[in-house]
């Protein structure tokens, strides 16, 4: 990309830093959509903002390149939402490509398998920040793992369960109190869910508006 592109990215992130101050962490997700060459420029140009971490600076399967870039910055590298087995995470750890792992419990084998991945990460002094863009049940499962591992960093979430759980999660000063009830600690609100039920629905897919090519979210 051009110097103008890099400068515009830096300006936007600097504006975020100016808005939130220095006591709020900022994590920057490249989403695997940046070329390795441009990623190399951005990870250095954004260092003065002191991000909490860079996420998926290149495609997660490109582990050797990710490892090479990780050695060129003091900012932690995070990845893992598209890795689904402990063997994939093992390669990531062995090559020191990331120091923050983001397994998704709903895709990486559930609570037990994610706990194994967390144990592997602990042996490499790596942290766990579970990926969770799905919903409150997946979040509840993630919280159980978070509470049971010493290397937990942060929990992603997009839905606290309003309209789905009898007692939705509540964020208090940036934290969610751990569930204390049996199982995952949640109870579905069947009546509220029934009101949302409609005809069978199929995801329309994700396609670029210009040429119709299949794209990621």
C-alpha atoms as a PDB file:
ATOM      1  CA  UNK A   1       0.000   0.000   0.000  1.00  0.00           C
ATOM      2  CA  UNK A   2       1.001   3.624  -0.404  1.00  0.00           C
ATOM      3  CA  UNK A   3       2.476   5.796   2.362  1.00  0.00           C
ATOM      4  CA  UNK A   4      -0.840   7.653   2.279  1.00  0.00           C
ATOM      5  CA  UNK A   5      -2.720   4.457   3.197  1.00  0.00           C
ATOM      6  CA  UNK A   6      -0.399   3.743   6.121  1.00  0.00           C
ATOM      7  CA  UNK A   7      -0.627   7.342   7.325  1.00  0.00           C
ATOM      8  CA  UNK A   8      -4.433   7.293   7.201  1.00  0.00           C
ATOM      9  CA  UNK A   9      -4.555   4.123   9.297  1.00  0.00           C
ATOM     10  CA  UNK A  10      -2.202   5.640  11.849  1.00  0.00           C
ATOM     11  CA  UNK A  11      -4.242   8.856  11.986  1.00  0.00           C
ATOM     12  CA  UNK A  12      -7.460   6.937  12.691  1.00  0.00           C
ATOM     13  CA  UNK A  13      -5.907   4.912  15.502  1.00  0.00           C
ATOM     14  CA  UNK A  14      -4.260   8.010  16.943  1.00  0.00           C
ATOM     15  CA  UNK A  15      -7.717   9.645  17.004  1.00  0.00           C
ATOM     16  CA  UNK A  16      -9.069   6.663  18.951  1.00  0.00           C
ATOM     17  CA  UNK A  17      -6.200   6.908  21.426  1.00  0.00           C
ATOM     18  CA  UNK A  18      -6.808  10.627  21.867  1.00  0.00           C
ATOM     19  CA  UNK A  19     -10.510   9.981  22.485  1.00  0.00           C
ATOM     20  CA  UNK A  20     -10.153   7.208  25.090  1.00  0.00           C
ATOM     21  CA  UNK A  21      -6.941   8.294  26.777  1.00  0.00           C
ATOM     22  CA  UNK A  22      -4.091   6.163  28.045  1.00  0.00           C
ATOM     23  CA  UNK A  23      -5.986   4.086  30.609  1.00  0.00           C
ATOM     24  CA  UNK A  24      -8.042   2.218  27.990  1.00  0.00           C
ATOM     25  CA  UNK A  25      -6.549  -0.620  25.948  1.00  0.00           C
ATOM     26  CA  UNK A  26      -6.887  -0.588  22.167  1.00  0.00           C
ATOM     27  CA  UNK A  27      -6.563  -3.822  20.213  1.00  0.00           C
ATOM     28  CA  UNK A  28      -6.156  -3.649  16.428  1.00  0.00           C
ATOM     29  CA  UNK A  29      -7.547  -6.451  14.269  1.00  0.00           C
ATOM     30  CA  UNK A  30      -5.969  -6.780  10.803  1.00  0.00           C
ATOM     31  CA  UNK A  31      -8.385  -9.710  10.198  1.00  0.00           C
ATOM     32  CA  UNK A  32      -5.861 -11.464   7.986  1.00  0.00           C
ATOM     33  CA  UNK A  33      -6.771  -9.075   5.178  1.00  0.00           C
ATOM     34  CA  UNK A  34      -3.451  -7.226   4.941  1.00  0.00           C
ATOM     35  CA  UNK A  35      -0.511  -8.350   2.815  1.00  0.00           C
ATOM     36  CA  UNK A  36       2.603  -9.340   4.774  1.00  0.00           C
ATOM     37  CA  UNK A  37       4.479  -6.384   3.295  1.00  0.00           C
ATOM     38  CA  UNK A  38       1.869  -3.844   4.407  1.00  0.00           C
ATOM     39  CA  UNK A  39       1.474  -5.583   7.764  1.00  0.00           C
ATOM     40  CA  UNK A  40       5.195  -5.096   8.308  1.00  0.00           C
ATOM     41  CA  UNK A  41       4.792  -1.363   7.755  1.00  0.00           C
ATOM     42  CA  UNK A  42       1.713  -1.046   9.960  1.00  0.00           C
ATOM     43  CA  UNK A  43       3.006  -2.930  12.987  1.00  0.00           C
ATOM     44  CA  UNK A  44       5.914  -0.489  13.206  1.00  0.00           C
ATOM     45  CA  UNK A  45       3.958   2.650  12.350  1.00  0.00           C
ATOM     46  CA  UNK A  46       1.314   1.918  15.009  1.00  0.00           C
ATOM     47  CA  UNK A  47       3.750   1.122  17.836  1.00  0.00           C
ATOM     48  CA  UNK A  48       3.673   4.674  19.313  1.00  0.00           C
ATOM     49  CA  UNK A  49      -0.046   4.191  20.073  1.00  0.00           C
ATOM     50  CA  UNK A  50       0.918   1.146  22.183  1.00  0.00           C
ATOM     51  CA  UNK A  51      -1.897  -1.217  21.170  1.00  0.00           C
ATOM     52  CA  UNK A  52      -2.835  -3.990  23.559  1.00  0.00           C
ATOM     53  CA  UNK A  53      -2.177  -6.403  20.689  1.00  0.00           C
ATOM     54  CA  UNK A  54      -2.290  -6.820  16.919  1.00  0.00           C
ATOM     55  CA  UNK A  55      -4.753  -9.498  15.828  1.00  0.00           C
ATOM     56  CA  UNK A  56      -4.330 -11.676  12.730  1.00  0.00           C
ATOM     57  CA  UNK A  57      -1.709  -9.474  11.117  1.00  0.00           C
ATOM     58  CA  UNK A  58      -1.678 -11.963   8.224  1.00  0.00           C
ATOM     59  CA  UNK A  59      -3.706 -15.049   7.353  1.00  0.00           C
ATOM     60  CA  UNK A  60      -3.458 -17.388  10.328  1.00  0.00           C
ATOM     61  CA  UNK A  61      -2.314 -20.296   8.149  1.00  0.00           C
ATOM     62  CA  UNK A  62       0.719 -18.224   7.169  1.00  0.00           C
ATOM     63  CA  UNK A  63       2.422 -19.088  10.437  1.00  0.00           C
ATOM     64  CA  UNK A  64       6.027 -18.712   9.285  1.00  0.00           C
ATOM     65  CA  UNK A  65       5.397 -15.175   8.032  1.00  0.00           C
ATOM     66  CA  UNK A  66       3.450 -14.308  11.185  1.00  0.00           C
ATOM     67  CA  UNK A  67       6.367 -15.532  13.274  1.00  0.00           C
ATOM     68  CA  UNK A  68       8.791 -13.427  11.242  1.00  0.00           C
ATOM     69  CA  UNK A  69       6.658 -10.307  11.721  1.00  0.00           C
ATOM     70  CA  UNK A  70       6.171 -11.035  15.433  1.00  0.00           C
ATOM     71  CA  UNK A  71       9.926 -10.754  15.919  1.00  0.00           C
ATOM     72  CA  UNK A  72       9.900  -7.262  14.413  1.00  0.00           C
ATOM     73  CA  UNK A  73       7.642  -5.624  17.004  1.00  0.00           C
ATOM     74  CA  UNK A  74       7.340  -5.482  20.795  1.00  0.00           C
ATOM     75  CA  UNK A  75       3.523  -5.369  20.515  1.00  0.00           C
ATOM     76  CA  UNK A  76       1.942  -8.799  21.242  1.00  0.00           C
ATOM     77  CA  UNK A  77       0.492 -10.737  18.309  1.00  0.00           C
ATOM     78  CA  UNK A  78      -2.890 -12.440  18.743  1.00  0.00           C
ATOM     79  CA  UNK A  79      -4.529 -15.076  16.569  1.00  0.00           C
ATOM     80  CA  UNK A  80      -6.517 -18.285  16.756  1.00  0.00           C
ATOM     81  CA  UNK A  81     -10.179 -17.772  15.873  1.00  0.00           C
ATOM     82  CA  UNK A  82      -9.646 -19.759  12.651  1.00  0.00           C
ATOM     83  CA  UNK A  83      -7.536 -22.514  14.211  1.00  0.00           C
ATOM     84  CA  UNK A  84      -9.552 -25.500  15.336  1.00  0.00           C
ATOM     85  CA  UNK A  85      -7.242 -28.101  16.903  1.00  0.00           C
ATOM     86  CA  UNK A  86      -4.557 -28.257  19.567  1.00  0.00           C
ATOM     87  CA  UNK A  87      -2.139 -29.352  16.865  1.00  0.00           C
ATOM     88  CA  UNK A  88      -2.628 -26.106  14.947  1.00  0.00           C
ATOM     89  CA  UNK A  89      -2.073 -24.110  18.127  1.00  0.00           C
ATOM     90  CA  UNK A  90       1.011 -26.190  18.919  1.00  0.00           C
ATOM     91  CA  UNK A  91       2.675 -25.078  15.680  1.00  0.00           C
ATOM     92  CA  UNK A  92       1.773 -21.482  16.438  1.00  0.00           C
ATOM     93  CA  UNK A  93       3.387 -21.720  19.860  1.00  0.00           C
ATOM     94  CA  UNK A  94       6.451 -23.642  18.746  1.00  0.00           C
ATOM     95  CA  UNK A  95       7.248 -21.033  16.104  1.00  0.00           C
ATOM     96  CA  UNK A  96       6.564 -18.138  18.519  1.00  0.00           C
ATOM     97  CA  UNK A  97       4.157 -16.625  15.991  1.00  0.00           C
ATOM     98  CA  UNK A  98       1.785 -15.284  18.666  1.00  0.00           C
ATOM     99  CA  UNK A  99       1.761 -14.724  22.410  1.00  0.00           C
ATOM    100  CA  UNK A 100      -2.018 -14.324  22.722  1.00  0.00           C
ATOM    101  CA  UNK A 101      -4.176 -17.237  21.537  1.00  0.00           C
ATOM    102  CA  UNK A 102      -7.848 -16.801  20.660  1.00  0.00           C
ATOM    103  CA  UNK A 103      -9.493 -20.224  20.387  1.00  0.00           C
ATOM    104  CA  UNK A 104     -13.258 -20.266  19.858  1.00  0.00           C
ATOM    105  CA  UNK A 105     -14.861 -22.838  22.153  1.00  0.00           C
ATOM    106  CA  UNK A 106     -17.684 -23.435  19.684  1.00  0.00           C
ATOM    107  CA  UNK A 107     -15.234 -24.351  16.931  1.00  0.00           C
ATOM    108  CA  UNK A 108     -12.137 -25.692  18.700  1.00  0.00           C
ATOM    109  CA  UNK A 109     -13.642 -28.633  20.554  1.00  0.00           C
ATOM    110  CA  UNK A 110     -15.536 -27.160  23.470  1.00  0.00           C
ATOM    111  CA  UNK A 111     -14.558 -26.485  27.057  1.00  0.00           C
ATOM    112  CA  UNK A 112     -12.261 -29.460  27.562  1.00  0.00           C
ATOM    113  CA  UNK A 113     -10.282 -29.047  24.327  1.00  0.00           C
ATOM    114  CA  UNK A 114      -9.898 -25.314  24.877  1.00  0.00           C
ATOM    115  CA  UNK A 115      -8.621 -26.043  28.379  1.00  0.00           C
ATOM    116  CA  UNK A 116      -5.941 -28.258  26.821  1.00  0.00           C
ATOM    117  CA  UNK A 117      -4.999 -25.470  24.401  1.00  0.00           C
ATOM    118  CA  UNK A 118      -4.761 -23.066  27.332  1.00  0.00           C
ATOM    119  CA  UNK A 119      -2.443 -25.470  29.132  1.00  0.00           C
ATOM    120  CA  UNK A 120      -0.171 -25.670  26.097  1.00  0.00           C
ATOM    121  CA  UNK A 121      -0.148 -21.876  25.889  1.00  0.00           C
ATOM    122  CA  UNK A 122       0.739 -21.567  29.574  1.00  0.00           C
ATOM    123  CA  UNK A 123       3.845 -23.676  29.002  1.00  0.00           C
ATOM    124  CA  UNK A 124       4.942 -21.115  26.386  1.00  0.00           C
ATOM    125  CA  UNK A 125       4.045 -18.121  28.590  1.00  0.00           C
ATOM    126  CA  UNK A 126       1.233 -17.231  26.187  1.00  0.00           C
ATOM    127  CA  UNK A 127      -2.145 -15.778  27.194  1.00  0.00           C
ATOM    128  CA  UNK A 128      -5.669 -16.830  26.230  1.00  0.00           C
ATOM    129  CA  UNK A 129      -8.333 -14.414  24.955  1.00  0.00           C
ATOM    130  CA  UNK A 130     -11.215 -16.631  23.765  1.00  0.00           C
ATOM    131  CA  UNK A 131     -12.961 -15.668  20.549  1.00  0.00           C
ATOM    132  CA  UNK A 132     -16.760 -15.414  20.874  1.00  0.00           C
ATOM    133  CA  UNK A 133     -18.880 -13.614  18.264  1.00  0.00           C
ATOM    134  CA  UNK A 134     -21.781 -16.058  18.558  1.00  0.00           C
ATOM    135  CA  UNK A 135     -24.064 -15.495  21.544  1.00  0.00           C
ATOM    136  CA  UNK A 136     -24.688 -15.830  25.282  1.00  0.00           C
ATOM    137  CA  UNK A 137     -24.462 -19.629  25.484  1.00  0.00           C
ATOM    138  CA  UNK A 138     -21.027 -19.629  23.880  1.00  0.00           C
ATOM    139  CA  UNK A 139     -20.075 -16.746  26.168  1.00  0.00           C
ATOM    140  CA  UNK A 140     -21.195 -18.721  29.232  1.00  0.00           C
ATOM    141  CA  UNK A 141     -18.992 -21.629  28.185  1.00  0.00           C
ATOM    142  CA  UNK A 142     -16.070 -19.274  27.636  1.00  0.00           C
ATOM    143  CA  UNK A 143     -16.443 -17.802  31.115  1.00  0.00           C
ATOM    144  CA  UNK A 144     -16.131 -21.269  32.617  1.00  0.00           C
ATOM    145  CA  UNK A 145     -12.779 -21.743  30.906  1.00  0.00           C
ATOM    146  CA  UNK A 146     -11.655 -18.210  31.744  1.00  0.00           C
ATOM    147  CA  UNK A 147     -12.199 -18.861  35.448  1.00  0.00           C
ATOM    148  CA  UNK A 148     -10.237 -22.103  35.378  1.00  0.00           C
ATOM    149  CA  UNK A 149      -7.001 -21.033  33.685  1.00  0.00           C
ATOM    150  CA  UNK A 150      -4.133 -18.920  35.050  1.00  0.00           C
ATOM    151  CA  UNK A 151      -3.280 -17.327  31.691  1.00  0.00           C
ATOM    152  CA  UNK A 152      -6.665 -15.780  30.875  1.00  0.00           C
ATOM    153  CA  UNK A 153      -6.389 -12.285  29.379  1.00  0.00           C
ATOM    154  CA  UNK A 154      -9.775 -11.123  28.060  1.00  0.00           C
ATOM    155  CA  UNK A 155     -13.098 -12.534  26.846  1.00  0.00           C
ATOM    156  CA  UNK A 156     -14.660 -11.425  23.585  1.00  0.00           C
ATOM    157  CA  UNK A 157     -18.443 -11.067  23.574  1.00  0.00           C
ATOM    158  CA  UNK A 158     -21.117  -9.571  21.341  1.00  0.00           C
ATOM    159  CA  UNK A 159     -24.346 -10.507  23.180  1.00  0.00           C
ATOM    160  CA  UNK A 160     -25.007 -10.585  26.921  1.00  0.00           C
ATOM    161  CA  UNK A 161     -28.234 -12.554  26.570  1.00  0.00           C
ATOM    162  CA  UNK A 162     -30.992  -9.951  26.719  1.00  0.00           C
ATOM    163  CA  UNK A 163     -34.122 -11.604  25.361  1.00  0.00           C
ATOM    164  CA  UNK A 164     -32.504 -15.048  25.508  1.00  0.00           C
ATOM    165  CA  UNK A 165     -31.490 -15.654  29.129  1.00  0.00           C
ATOM    166  CA  UNK A 166     -33.644 -15.337  32.226  1.00  0.00           C
ATOM    167  CA  UNK A 167     -30.743 -13.513  33.874  1.00  0.00           C
ATOM    168  CA  UNK A 168     -28.600 -11.819  31.202  1.00  0.00           C
ATOM    169  CA  UNK A 169     -24.961 -11.123  31.938  1.00  0.00           C
ATOM    170  CA  UNK A 170     -24.120  -7.644  33.185  1.00  0.00           C
ATOM    171  CA  UNK A 171     -20.799  -5.896  32.610  1.00  0.00           C
ATOM    172  CA  UNK A 172     -19.567  -4.155  35.756  1.00  0.00           C
ATOM    173  CA  UNK A 173     -16.551  -1.857  35.370  1.00  0.00           C
ATOM    174  CA  UNK A 174     -15.362  -3.906  32.414  1.00  0.00           C
ATOM    175  CA  UNK A 175     -15.879  -7.285  34.073  1.00  0.00           C
ATOM    176  CA  UNK A 176     -18.619  -9.926  34.037  1.00  0.00           C
ATOM    177  CA  UNK A 177     -19.290 -11.656  37.385  1.00  0.00           C
ATOM    178  CA  UNK A 178     -18.772 -15.392  37.093  1.00  0.00           C
ATOM    179  CA  UNK A 179     -21.952 -17.500  36.935  1.00  0.00           C
ATOM    180  CA  UNK A 180     -22.484 -19.519  40.125  1.00  0.00           C
ATOM    181  CA  UNK A 181     -25.460 -21.659  39.146  1.00  0.00           C
ATOM    182  CA  UNK A 182     -25.184 -25.309  37.970  1.00  0.00           C
ATOM    183  CA  UNK A 183     -23.914 -26.213  34.522  1.00  0.00           C
ATOM    184  CA  UNK A 184     -22.914 -23.201  32.473  1.00  0.00           C
ATOM    185  CA  UNK A 185     -24.643 -21.016  35.046  1.00  0.00           C
ATOM    186  CA  UNK A 186     -27.394 -19.786  32.730  1.00  0.00           C
ATOM    187  CA  UNK A 187     -31.063 -20.566  32.086  1.00  0.00           C
ATOM    188  CA  UNK A 188     -32.726 -19.949  28.744  1.00  0.00           C
ATOM    189  CA  UNK A 189     -35.862 -17.813  28.643  1.00  0.00           C
ATOM    190  CA  UNK A 190     -38.024 -20.148  26.577  1.00  0.00           C
ATOM    191  CA  UNK A 191     -40.910 -17.697  26.246  1.00  0.00           C
ATOM    192  CA  UNK A 192     -38.683 -14.885  24.992  1.00  0.00           C
ATOM    193  CA  UNK A 193     -36.982 -17.226  22.545  1.00  0.00           C
ATOM    194  CA  UNK A 194     -40.338 -18.554  21.276  1.00  0.00           C
ATOM    195  CA  UNK A 195     -41.331 -15.011  20.328  1.00  0.00           C
ATOM    196  CA  UNK A 196     -38.263 -14.800  18.095  1.00  0.00           C
ATOM    197  CA  UNK A 197     -38.949 -18.050  16.271  1.00  0.00           C
ATOM    198  CA  UNK A 198     -40.080 -17.616  12.685  1.00  0.00           C
ATOM    199  CA  UNK A 199     -39.984 -19.420   9.358  1.00  0.00           C
ATOM    200  CA  UNK A 200     -36.919 -21.464   8.484  1.00  0.00           C
ATOM    201  CA  UNK A 201     -34.140 -19.091   7.449  1.00  0.00           C
ATOM    202  CA  UNK A 202     -30.974 -19.611   5.483  1.00  0.00           C
ATOM    203  CA  UNK A 203     -27.996 -17.296   5.636  1.00  0.00           C
ATOM    204  CA  UNK A 204     -27.799 -15.406   2.330  1.00  0.00           C
ATOM    205  CA  UNK A 205     -24.012 -15.622   2.256  1.00  0.00           C
ATOM    206  CA  UNK A 206     -21.402 -12.925   2.184  1.00  0.00           C
ATOM    207  CA  UNK A 207     -20.629 -11.464  -1.210  1.00  0.00           C
ATOM    208  CA  UNK A 208     -18.827  -8.361  -2.373  1.00  0.00           C
ATOM    209  CA  UNK A 209     -21.304  -5.786  -3.710  1.00  0.00           C
ATOM    210  CA  UNK A 210     -19.058  -4.893  -6.662  1.00  0.00           C
ATOM    211  CA  UNK A 211     -18.491  -8.265  -8.289  1.00  0.00           C
ATOM    212  CA  UNK A 212     -20.357 -10.837  -6.232  1.00  0.00           C
ATOM    213  CA  UNK A 213     -17.192 -12.592  -5.068  1.00  0.00           C
ATOM    214  CA  UNK A 214     -17.437 -14.583  -1.829  1.00  0.00           C
ATOM    215  CA  UNK A 215     -15.892 -12.665   1.063  1.00  0.00           C
ATOM    216  CA  UNK A 216     -15.243 -13.035   4.777  1.00  0.00           C
ATOM    217  CA  UNK A 217     -17.272 -11.049   7.326  1.00  0.00           C
END
